[in-house]
Amino acid sequence: MSPDRSIKVEEEIARAREAEQIINAPIYVEAMRKLKQGIIDKWAACPARDTDGREWLWQHYQVALKFEETLAEVLNTGKLALKEREMSLAQKVGARMRNIV
C-alpha cells in the first residue's frame, strides 16, 4: 500500500469510528426516531387537498433517510478500509516470512 493510500485508509477508519459513535448514540437514535415519526404524524394529519404540504413533508422525510444513509456509507467505507489495512499487513507479514525461510 502506498503511503498516500495508507493515510487515506487511516482517515476512513477514523471517520468510520466517529460515524459508529453517532449512529449508536442513544440521543441520536431518539432524535432521528422522533424526527421521522413527527414527519409521519404530520403527513397523516395533512388534508388530502394539501398536496404541497404532503410533498414538503415527503421531501423532509427523504432528507432524514439520506442523512442516515450517509452516516452508514461512512461507516461501511471505514469497514472496507479496515479490511484493506488488514490485508496489507498480512501481505507484509507473509513477505517477511518468505524472506526468513
PDB file of N, CA and C in Angstrom:
ATOM      1  N   MET A   1       0.862  -1.172   0.000  1.00  0.00           N
ATOM      2  CA  MET A   1       0.000   0.000   0.000  1.00  0.00           C
ATOM      3  C   MET A   1       0.904   1.229   0.000  1.00  0.00           C
ATOM      4  N   SER A   2       0.581   2.174  -0.847  1.00  0.00           N
ATOM      5  CA  SER A   2       1.381   3.400  -0.933  1.00  0.00           C
ATOM      6  C   SER A   2       1.184   4.243   0.333  1.00  0.00           C
ATOM      7  N   PRO A   3       2.150   5.101   0.625  1.00  0.00           N
ATOM      8  CA  PRO A   3       1.999   5.969   1.809  1.00  0.00           C
ATOM      9  C   PRO A   3       0.755   6.859   1.732  1.00  0.00           C
ATOM     10  N   ASP A   4       0.457   7.374   0.539  1.00  0.00           N
ATOM     11  CA  ASP A   4      -0.740   8.211   0.391  1.00  0.00           C
ATOM     12  C   ASP A   4      -2.010   7.414   0.653  1.00  0.00           C
ATOM     13  N   ARG A   5      -2.050   6.199   0.127  1.00  0.00           N
ATOM     14  CA  ARG A   5      -3.221   5.348   0.335  1.00  0.00           C
ATOM     15  C   ARG A   5      -3.326   4.960   1.805  1.00  0.00           C
ATOM     16  N   SER A   6      -2.199   4.729   2.439  1.00  0.00           N
ATOM     17  CA  SER A   6      -2.197   4.375   3.857  1.00  0.00           C
ATOM     18  C   SER A   6      -2.812   5.491   4.700  1.00  0.00           C
ATOM     19  N   ILE A   7      -2.459   6.712   4.384  1.00  0.00           N
ATOM     20  CA  ILE A   7      -3.028   7.864   5.104  1.00  0.00           C
ATOM     21  C   ILE A   7      -4.530   7.921   4.879  1.00  0.00           C
ATOM     22  N   LYS A   8      -4.963   7.736   3.631  1.00  0.00           N
ATOM     23  CA  LYS A   8      -6.391   7.778   3.286  1.00  0.00           C
ATOM     24  C   LYS A   8      -7.148   6.673   4.029  1.00  0.00           C
ATOM     25  N   VAL A   9      -6.563   5.483   4.080  1.00  0.00           N
ATOM     26  CA  VAL A   9      -7.194   4.362   4.778  1.00  0.00           C
ATOM     27  C   VAL A   9      -7.369   4.689   6.259  1.00  0.00           C
ATOM     28  N   GLU A  10      -6.346   5.241   6.876  1.00  0.00           N
ATOM     29  CA  GLU A  10      -6.438   5.583   8.300  1.00  0.00           C
ATOM     30  C   GLU A  10      -7.497   6.659   8.547  1.00  0.00           C
ATOM     31  N   GLU A  11      -7.604   7.619   7.624  1.00  0.00           N
ATOM     32  CA  GLU A  11      -8.638   8.653   7.744  1.00  0.00           C
ATOM     33  C   GLU A  11     -10.029   8.042   7.631  1.00  0.00           C
ATOM     34  N   GLU A  12     -10.204   7.105   6.703  1.00  0.00           N
ATOM     35  CA  GLU A  12     -11.503   6.452   6.522  1.00  0.00           C
ATOM     36  C   GLU A  12     -11.873   5.631   7.754  1.00  0.00           C
ATOM     37  N   ILE A  13     -10.890   4.979   8.346  1.00  0.00           N
ATOM     38  CA  ILE A  13     -11.143   4.190   9.556  1.00  0.00           C
ATOM     39  C   ILE A  13     -11.543   5.116  10.714  1.00  0.00           C
ATOM     40  N   ALA A  14     -10.853   6.230  10.855  1.00  0.00           N
ATOM     41  CA  ALA A  14     -11.178   7.189  11.921  1.00  0.00           C
ATOM     42  C   ALA A  14     -12.580   7.765  11.727  1.00  0.00           C
ATOM     43  N   ARG A  15     -12.911   8.099  10.490  1.00  0.00           N
ATOM     44  CA  ARG A  15     -14.250   8.636  10.207  1.00  0.00           C
ATOM     45  C   ARG A  15     -15.326   7.592  10.498  1.00  0.00           C
ATOM     46  N   ALA A  16     -15.034   6.341  10.204  1.00  0.00           N
ATOM     47  CA  ALA A  16     -15.995   5.264  10.477  1.00  0.00           C
ATOM     48  C   ALA A  16     -16.244   5.127  11.976  1.00  0.00           C
ATOM     49  N   ARG A  17     -15.182   5.264  12.753  1.00  0.00           N
ATOM     50  CA  ARG A  17     -15.351   5.186  14.215  1.00  0.00           C
ATOM     51  C   ARG A  17     -16.249   6.311  14.715  1.00  0.00           C
ATOM     52  N   GLU A  18     -16.051   7.505  14.164  1.00  0.00           N
ATOM     53  CA  GLU A  18     -16.904   8.639  14.553  1.00  0.00           C
ATOM     54  C   GLU A  18     -18.349   8.388  14.139  1.00  0.00           C
ATOM     55  N   ALA A  19     -18.547   7.908  12.917  1.00  0.00           N
ATOM     56  CA  ALA A  19     -19.902   7.623  12.438  1.00  0.00           C
ATOM     57  C   ALA A  19     -20.577   6.569  13.308  1.00  0.00           C
ATOM     58  N   GLU A  20     -19.818   5.550  13.690  1.00  0.00           N
ATOM     59  CA  GLU A  20     -20.373   4.490  14.528  1.00  0.00           C
ATOM     60  C   GLU A  20     -20.796   5.033  15.900  1.00  0.00           C
ATOM     61  N   GLN A  21     -19.983   5.923  16.459  1.00  0.00           N
ATOM     62  CA  GLN A  21     -20.336   6.525  17.748  1.00  0.00           C
ATOM     63  C   GLN A  21     -21.637   7.318  17.622  1.00  0.00           C
ATOM     64  N   ILE A  22     -21.784   8.046  16.529  1.00  0.00           N
ATOM     65  CA  ILE A  22     -23.003   8.830  16.320  1.00  0.00           C
ATOM     66  C   ILE A  22     -24.202   7.915  16.143  1.00  0.00           C
ATOM     67  N   ILE A  23     -24.059   6.939  15.244  1.00  0.00           N
ATOM     68  CA  ILE A  23     -25.169   6.026  14.943  1.00  0.00           C
ATOM     69  C   ILE A  23     -25.635   5.296  16.192  1.00  0.00           C
ATOM     70  N   ASN A  24     -24.712   4.948  17.073  1.00  0.00           N
ATOM     71  CA  ASN A  24     -25.060   4.182  18.273  1.00  0.00           C
ATOM     72  C   ASN A  24     -25.375   5.040  19.489  1.00  0.00           C
ATOM     73  N   ALA A  25     -25.233   6.350  19.356  1.00  0.00           N
ATOM     74  CA  ALA A  25     -25.530   7.234  20.478  1.00  0.00           C
ATOM     75  C   ALA A  25     -27.036   7.259  20.745  1.00  0.00           C
ATOM     76  N   PRO A  26     -27.441   6.990  21.978  1.00  0.00           N
ATOM     77  CA  PRO A  26     -28.877   6.982  22.287  1.00  0.00           C
ATOM     78  C   PRO A  26     -29.585   8.286  21.903  1.00  0.00           C
ATOM     79  N   ILE A  27     -28.928   9.419  22.085  1.00  0.00           N
ATOM     80  CA  ILE A  27     -29.572  10.690  21.759  1.00  0.00           C
ATOM     81  C   ILE A  27     -29.813  10.815  20.260  1.00  0.00           C
ATOM     82  N   TYR A  28     -28.891  10.310  19.457  1.00  0.00           N
ATOM     83  CA  TYR A  28     -29.068  10.333  18.002  1.00  0.00           C
ATOM     84  C   TYR A  28     -30.225   9.425  17.587  1.00  0.00           C
ATOM     85  N   VAL A  29     -30.245   8.217  18.152  1.00  0.00           N
ATOM     86  CA  VAL A  29     -31.309   7.263  17.834  1.00  0.00           C
ATOM     87  C   VAL A  29     -32.668   7.860  18.193  1.00  0.00           C
ATOM     88  N   GLU A  30     -32.748   8.444  19.373  1.00  0.00           N
ATOM     89  CA  GLU A  30     -34.007   9.055  19.817  1.00  0.00           C
ATOM     90  C   GLU A  30     -34.400  10.235  18.938  1.00  0.00           C
ATOM     91  N   ALA A  31     -33.439  11.090  18.627  1.00  0.00           N
ATOM     92  CA  ALA A  31     -33.733  12.275  17.813  1.00  0.00           C
ATOM     93  C   ALA A  31     -34.215  11.883  16.414  1.00  0.00           C
ATOM     94  N   MET A  32     -33.551  10.921  15.807  1.00  0.00           N
ATOM     95  CA  MET A  32     -33.967  10.510  14.458  1.00  0.00           C
ATOM     96  C   MET A  32     -35.335   9.838  14.484  1.00  0.00           C
ATOM     97  N   ARG A  33     -35.578   9.037  15.515  1.00  0.00           N
ATOM     98  CA  ARG A  33     -36.890   8.390  15.635  1.00  0.00           C
ATOM     99  C   ARG A  33     -37.982   9.435  15.778  1.00  0.00           C
ATOM    100  N   LYS A  34     -37.761  10.426  16.653  1.00  0.00           N
ATOM    101  CA  LYS A  34     -38.762  11.474  16.863  1.00  0.00           C
ATOM    102  C   LYS A  34     -38.940  12.333  15.613  1.00  0.00           C
ATOM    103  N   LEU A  35     -37.849  12.647  14.942  1.00  0.00           N
ATOM    104  CA  LEU A  35     -37.925  13.448  13.724  1.00  0.00           C
ATOM    105  C   LEU A  35     -38.772  12.745  12.668  1.00  0.00           C
ATOM    106  N   LYS A  36     -38.449  11.484  12.394  1.00  0.00           N
ATOM    107  CA  LYS A  36     -39.184  10.752  11.356  1.00  0.00           C
ATOM    108  C   LYS A  36     -40.639  10.525  11.763  1.00  0.00           C
ATOM    109  N   GLN A  37     -40.864  10.188  13.022  1.00  0.00           N
ATOM    110  CA  GLN A  37     -42.243   9.967  13.468  1.00  0.00           C
ATOM    111  C   GLN A  37     -43.048  11.262  13.422  1.00  0.00           C
ATOM    112  N   GLY A  38     -42.411  12.371  13.772  1.00  0.00           N
ATOM    113  CA  GLY A  38     -43.099  13.660  13.689  1.00  0.00           C
ATOM    114  C   GLY A  38     -43.516  13.993  12.269  1.00  0.00           C
ATOM    115  N   ILE A  39     -42.660  13.714  11.322  1.00  0.00           N
ATOM    116  CA  ILE A  39     -42.987  13.957   9.911  1.00  0.00           C
ATOM    117  C   ILE A  39     -44.135  13.053   9.481  1.00  0.00           C
ATOM    118  N   ILE A  40     -44.080  11.778   9.869  1.00  0.00           N
ATOM    119  CA  ILE A  40     -45.148  10.842   9.509  1.00  0.00           C
ATOM    120  C   ILE A  40     -46.469  11.274  10.126  1.00  0.00           C
ATOM    121  N   ASP A  41     -46.447  11.693  11.378  1.00  0.00           N
ATOM    122  CA  ASP A  41     -47.672  12.135  12.050  1.00  0.00           C
ATOM    123  C   ASP A  41     -48.271  13.355  11.349  1.00  0.00           C
ATOM    124  N   LYS A  42     -47.408  14.302  10.976  1.00  0.00           N
ATOM    125  CA  LYS A  42     -47.897  15.492  10.269  1.00  0.00           C
ATOM    126  C   LYS A  42     -48.448  15.120   8.904  1.00  0.00           C
ATOM    127  N   TRP A  43     -47.789  14.182   8.228  1.00  0.00           N
ATOM    128  CA  TRP A  43     -48.273  13.746   6.922  1.00  0.00           C
ATOM    129  C   TRP A  43     -49.643  13.091   7.048  1.00  0.00           C
ATOM    130  N   ALA A  44     -49.800  12.244   8.084  1.00  0.00           N
ATOM    131  CA  ALA A  44     -51.085  11.558   8.294  1.00  0.00           C
ATOM    132  C   ALA A  44     -52.204  12.546   8.599  1.00  0.00           C
ATOM    133  N   ALA A  45     -51.858  13.651   9.273  1.00  0.00           N
ATOM    134  CA  ALA A  45     -52.865  14.654   9.634  1.00  0.00           C
ATOM    135  C   ALA A  45     -53.092  15.678   8.525  1.00  0.00           C
ATOM    136  N   CYS A  46     -52.306  15.627   7.491  1.00  0.00           N
ATOM    137  CA  CYS A  46     -52.368  16.608   6.413  1.00  0.00           C
ATOM    138  C   CYS A  46     -53.631  16.367   5.565  1.00  0.00           C
ATOM    139  N   PRO A  47     -54.397  17.413   5.306  1.00  0.00           N
ATOM    140  CA  PRO A  47     -55.580  17.237   4.466  1.00  0.00           C
ATOM    141  C   PRO A  47     -55.215  16.731   3.068  1.00  0.00           C
ATOM    142  N   ALA A  48     -56.089  15.935   2.483  1.00  0.00           N
ATOM    143  CA  ALA A  48     -55.836  15.352   1.161  1.00  0.00           C
ATOM    144  C   ALA A  48     -55.617  16.429   0.102  1.00  0.00           C
ATOM    145  N   ARG A  49     -56.256  17.576   0.263  1.00  0.00           N
ATOM    146  CA  ARG A  49     -56.128  18.632  -0.734  1.00  0.00           C
ATOM    147  C   ARG A  49     -54.811  19.409  -0.628  1.00  0.00           C
ATOM    148  N   ASP A  50     -54.076  19.202   0.462  1.00  0.00           N
ATOM    149  CA  ASP A  50     -52.821  19.928   0.674  1.00  0.00           C
ATOM    150  C   ASP A  50     -51.649  19.153   0.053  1.00  0.00           C
ATOM    151  N   THR A  51     -51.614  19.119  -1.252  1.00  0.00           N
ATOM    152  CA  THR A  51     -50.556  18.368  -1.938  1.00  0.00           C
ATOM    153  C   THR A  51     -49.182  18.993  -1.708  1.00  0.00           C
ATOM    154  N   ASP A  52     -49.124  20.327  -1.631  1.00  0.00           N
ATOM    155  CA  ASP A  52     -47.835  20.981  -1.378  1.00  0.00           C
ATOM    156  C   ASP A  52     -47.295  20.611   0.003  1.00  0.00           C
ATOM    157  N   GLY A  53     -48.174  20.589   0.981  1.00  0.00           N
ATOM    158  CA  GLY A  53     -47.761  20.228   2.336  1.00  0.00           C
ATOM    159  C   GLY A  53     -47.278  18.793   2.412  1.00  0.00           C
ATOM    160  N   ARG A  54     -47.998  17.880   1.761  1.00  0.00           N
ATOM    161  CA  ARG A  54     -47.586  16.473   1.755  1.00  0.00           C
ATOM    162  C   ARG A  54     -46.252  16.304   1.035  1.00  0.00           C
ATOM    163  N   GLU A  55     -46.075  17.023  -0.059  1.00  0.00           N
ATOM    164  CA  GLU A  55     -44.814  16.954  -0.810  1.00  0.00           C
ATOM    165  C   GLU A  55     -43.654  17.470   0.054  1.00  0.00           C
ATOM    166  N   TRP A  56     -43.881  18.574   0.748  1.00  0.00           N
ATOM    167  CA  TRP A  56     -42.862  19.147   1.626  1.00  0.00           C
ATOM    168  C   TRP A  56     -42.467  18.153   2.708  1.00  0.00           C
ATOM    169  N   LEU A  57     -43.454  17.495   3.317  1.00  0.00           N
ATOM    170  CA  LEU A  57     -43.182  16.507   4.362  1.00  0.00           C
ATOM    171  C   LEU A  57     -42.436  15.298   3.795  1.00  0.00           C
ATOM    172  N   TRP A  58     -42.834  14.852   2.603  1.00  0.00           N
ATOM    173  CA  TRP A  58     -42.148  13.724   1.963  1.00  0.00           C
ATOM    174  C   TRP A  58     -40.682  14.068   1.713  1.00  0.00           C
ATOM    175  N   GLN A  59     -40.429  15.272   1.239  1.00  0.00           N
ATOM    176  CA  GLN A  59     -39.048  15.694   0.975  1.00  0.00           C
ATOM    177  C   GLN A  59     -38.229  15.720   2.270  1.00  0.00           C
ATOM    178  N   HIS A  60     -38.813  16.204   3.330  1.00  0.00           N
ATOM    179  CA  HIS A  60     -38.094  16.247   4.604  1.00  0.00           C
ATOM    180  C   HIS A  60     -37.835  14.838   5.153  1.00  0.00           C
ATOM    181  N   TYR A  61     -38.779  13.952   4.950  1.00  0.00           N
ATOM    182  CA  TYR A  61     -38.568  12.567   5.371  1.00  0.00           C
ATOM    183  C   TYR A  61     -37.422  11.949   4.575  1.00  0.00           C
ATOM    184  N   GLN A  62     -37.385  12.229   3.278  1.00  0.00           N
ATOM    185  CA  GLN A  62     -36.307  11.720   2.433  1.00  0.00           C
ATOM    186  C   GLN A  62     -34.946  12.273   2.861  1.00  0.00           C
ATOM    187  N   VAL A  63     -34.895  13.521   3.294  1.00  0.00           N
ATOM    188  CA  VAL A  63     -33.646  14.114   3.793  1.00  0.00           C
ATOM    189  C   VAL A  63     -33.193  13.372   5.055  1.00  0.00           C
ATOM    190  N   ALA A  64     -34.116  13.072   5.935  1.00  0.00           N
ATOM    191  CA  ALA A  64     -33.766  12.331   7.153  1.00  0.00           C
ATOM    192  C   ALA A  64     -33.191  10.961   6.799  1.00  0.00           C
ATOM    193  N   LEU A  65     -33.812  10.280   5.838  1.00  0.00           N
ATOM    194  CA  LEU A  65     -33.307   8.977   5.414  1.00  0.00           C
ATOM    195  C   LEU A  65     -31.933   9.097   4.766  1.00  0.00           C
ATOM    196  N   LYS A  66     -31.744  10.139   3.962  1.00  0.00           N
ATOM    197  CA  LYS A  66     -30.457  10.352   3.294  1.00  0.00           C
ATOM    198  C   LYS A  66     -29.359  10.631   4.329  1.00  0.00           C
ATOM    199  N   PHE A  67     -29.691  11.361   5.373  1.00  0.00           N
ATOM    200  CA  PHE A  67     -28.737  11.635   6.443  1.00  0.00           C
ATOM    201  C   PHE A  67     -28.275  10.331   7.079  1.00  0.00           C
ATOM    202  N   GLU A  68     -29.230   9.466   7.401  1.00  0.00           N
ATOM    203  CA  GLU A  68     -28.889   8.167   7.984  1.00  0.00           C
ATOM    204  C   GLU A  68     -28.054   7.331   7.012  1.00  0.00           C
ATOM    205  N   GLU A  69     -28.434   7.358   5.754  1.00  0.00           N
ATOM    206  CA  GLU A  69     -27.714   6.613   4.722  1.00  0.00           C
ATOM    207  C   GLU A  69     -26.274   7.107   4.580  1.00  0.00           C
ATOM    208  N   THR A  70     -26.088   8.405   4.657  1.00  0.00           N
ATOM    209  CA  THR A  70     -24.748   8.982   4.521  1.00  0.00           C
ATOM    210  C   THR A  70     -23.844   8.532   5.666  1.00  0.00           C
ATOM    211  N   LEU A  71     -24.358   8.538   6.874  1.00  0.00           N
ATOM    212  CA  LEU A  71     -23.570   8.039   8.013  1.00  0.00           C
ATOM    213  C   LEU A  71     -23.244   6.557   7.847  1.00  0.00           C
ATOM    214  N   ALA A  72     -24.209   5.785   7.368  1.00  0.00           N
ATOM    215  CA  ALA A  72     -23.969   4.357   7.153  1.00  0.00           C
ATOM    216  C   ALA A  72     -22.899   4.137   6.079  1.00  0.00           C
ATOM    217  N   GLU A  73     -22.895   4.975   5.046  1.00  0.00           N
ATOM    218  CA  GLU A  73     -21.880   4.876   3.992  1.00  0.00           C
ATOM    219  C   GLU A  73     -20.481   5.161   4.553  1.00  0.00           C
ATOM    220  N   VAL A  74     -20.376   6.168   5.401  1.00  0.00           N
ATOM    221  CA  VAL A  74     -19.083   6.484   6.021  1.00  0.00           C
ATOM    222  C   VAL A  74     -18.621   5.295   6.859  1.00  0.00           C
ATOM    223  N   LEU A  75     -19.533   4.702   7.608  1.00  0.00           N
ATOM    224  CA  LEU A  75     -19.209   3.545   8.437  1.00  0.00           C
ATOM    225  C   LEU A  75     -18.753   2.370   7.568  1.00  0.00           C
ATOM    226  N   ASN A  76     -19.485   2.082   6.513  1.00  0.00           N
ATOM    227  CA  ASN A  76     -19.136   0.958   5.644  1.00  0.00           C
ATOM    228  C   ASN A  76     -17.827   1.181   4.901  1.00  0.00           C
ATOM    229  N   THR A  77     -17.569   2.413   4.476  1.00  0.00           N
ATOM    230  CA  THR A  77     -16.300   2.728   3.824  1.00  0.00           C
ATOM    231  C   THR A  77     -15.146   2.473   4.781  1.00  0.00           C
ATOM    232  N   GLY A  78     -15.328   2.854   6.033  1.00  0.00           N
ATOM    233  CA  GLY A  78     -14.301   2.614   7.038  1.00  0.00           C
ATOM    234  C   GLY A  78     -14.081   1.134   7.302  1.00  0.00           C
ATOM    235  N   LYS A  79     -15.153   0.365   7.286  1.00  0.00           N
ATOM    236  CA  LYS A  79     -15.014  -1.081   7.474  1.00  0.00           C
ATOM    237  C   LYS A  79     -14.207  -1.692   6.330  1.00  0.00           C
ATOM    238  N   LEU A  80     -14.473  -1.233   5.113  1.00  0.00           N
ATOM    239  CA  LEU A  80     -13.700  -1.714   3.964  1.00  0.00           C
ATOM    240  C   LEU A  80     -12.239  -1.287   4.073  1.00  0.00           C
ATOM    241  N   ALA A  81     -12.005  -0.075   4.530  1.00  0.00           N
ATOM    242  CA  ALA A  81     -10.633   0.416   4.707  1.00  0.00           C
ATOM    243  C   ALA A  81      -9.904  -0.414   5.758  1.00  0.00           C
ATOM    244  N   LEU A  82     -10.605  -0.786   6.813  1.00  0.00           N
ATOM    245  CA  LEU A  82     -10.011  -1.628   7.846  1.00  0.00           C
ATOM    246  C   LEU A  82      -9.605  -2.980   7.266  1.00  0.00           C
ATOM    247  N   LYS A  83     -10.458  -3.558   6.444  1.00  0.00           N
ATOM    248  CA  LYS A  83     -10.133  -4.830   5.784  1.00  0.00           C
ATOM    249  C   LYS A  83      -8.929  -4.652   4.866  1.00  0.00           C
ATOM    250  N   GLU A  84      -8.900  -3.533   4.151  1.00  0.00           N
ATOM    251  CA  GLU A  84      -7.770  -3.256   3.262  1.00  0.00           C
ATOM    252  C   GLU A  84      -6.466  -3.171   4.066  1.00  0.00           C
ATOM    253  N   ARG A  85      -6.521  -2.486   5.203  1.00  0.00           N
ATOM    254  CA  ARG A  85      -5.334  -2.372   6.051  1.00  0.00           C
ATOM    255  C   ARG A  85      -4.905  -3.739   6.574  1.00  0.00           C
ATOM    256  N   GLU A  86      -5.861  -4.549   6.987  1.00  0.00           N
ATOM    257  CA  GLU A  86      -5.552  -5.889   7.480  1.00  0.00           C
ATOM    258  C   GLU A  86      -4.908  -6.742   6.389  1.00  0.00           C
ATOM    259  N   MET A  87      -5.431  -6.657   5.168  1.00  0.00           N
ATOM    260  CA  MET A  87      -4.868  -7.419   4.060  1.00  0.00           C
ATOM    261  C   MET A  87      -3.447  -6.952   3.746  1.00  0.00           C
ATOM    262  N   SER A  88      -3.240  -5.651   3.788  1.00  0.00           N
ATOM    263  CA  SER A  88      -1.909  -5.101   3.525  1.00  0.00           C
ATOM    264  C   SER A  88      -0.908  -5.581   4.574  1.00  0.00           C
ATOM    265  N   LEU A  89      -1.335  -5.573   5.830  1.00  0.00           N
ATOM    266  CA  LEU A  89      -0.459  -6.064   6.899  1.00  0.00           C
ATOM    267  C   LEU A  89      -0.176  -7.556   6.750  1.00  0.00           C
ATOM    268  N   ALA A  90      -1.182  -8.321   6.360  1.00  0.00           N
ATOM    269  CA  ALA A  90      -0.994  -9.759   6.169  1.00  0.00           C
ATOM    270  C   ALA A  90      -0.014 -10.022   5.029  1.00  0.00           C
ATOM    271  N   GLN A  91      -0.103  -9.233   3.979  1.00  0.00           N
ATOM    272  CA  GLN A  91       0.837  -9.386   2.860  1.00  0.00           C
ATOM    273  C   GLN A  91       2.254  -9.063   3.299  1.00  0.00           C
ATOM    274  N   LYS A  92       2.409  -8.015   4.103  1.00  0.00           N
ATOM    275  CA  LYS A  92       3.742  -7.652   4.595  1.00  0.00           C
ATOM    276  C   LYS A  92       4.321  -8.760   5.470  1.00  0.00           C
ATOM    277  N   VAL A  93       3.488  -9.303   6.354  1.00  0.00           N
ATOM    278  CA  VAL A  93       3.945 -10.380   7.228  1.00  0.00           C
ATOM    279  C   VAL A  93       4.310 -11.601   6.393  1.00  0.00           C
ATOM    280  N   GLY A  94       3.504 -11.919   5.396  1.00  0.00           N
ATOM    281  CA  GLY A  94       3.781 -13.057   4.517  1.00  0.00           C
ATOM    282  C   GLY A  94       5.092 -12.871   3.771  1.00  0.00           C
ATOM    283  N   ALA A  95       5.344 -11.671   3.292  1.00  0.00           N
ATOM    284  CA  ALA A  95       6.590 -11.389   2.579  1.00  0.00           C
ATOM    285  C   ALA A  95       7.787 -11.541   3.515  1.00  0.00           C
ATOM    286  N   ARG A  96       7.652 -11.091   4.734  1.00  0.00           N
ATOM    287  CA  ARG A  96       8.748 -11.212   5.705  1.00  0.00           C
ATOM    288  C   ARG A  96       9.007 -12.678   6.054  1.00  0.00           C
ATOM    289  N   MET A  97       7.927 -13.433   6.168  1.00  0.00           N
ATOM    290  CA  MET A  97       8.078 -14.854   6.498  1.00  0.00           C
ATOM    291  C   MET A  97       8.783 -15.583   5.350  1.00  0.00           C
ATOM    292  N   ARG A  98       8.480 -15.225   4.128  1.00  0.00           N
ATOM    293  CA  ARG A  98       9.133 -15.848   2.988  1.00  0.00           C
ATOM    294  C   ARG A  98      10.624 -15.493   2.961  1.00  0.00           C
ATOM    295  N   ASN A  99      10.967 -14.298   3.389  1.00  0.00           N
ATOM    296  CA  ASN A  99      12.361 -13.868   3.419  1.00  0.00           C
ATOM    297  C   ASN A  99      13.150 -14.582   4.501  1.00  0.00           C
ATOM    298  N   ILE A 100      12.475 -14.973   5.567  1.00  0.00           N
ATOM    299  CA  ILE A 100      13.136 -15.664   6.664  1.00  0.00           C
ATOM    300  C   ILE A 100      13.497 -17.094   6.235  1.00  0.00           C
ATOM    301  N   VAL A 101      12.588 -17.708   5.526  1.00  0.00           N
ATOM    302  CA  VAL A 101      12.778 -19.113   5.112  1.00  0.00           C
ATOM    303  C   VAL A 101      13.726 -19.186   4.014  1.00  0.00           C
TER     304      VAL A 101
END
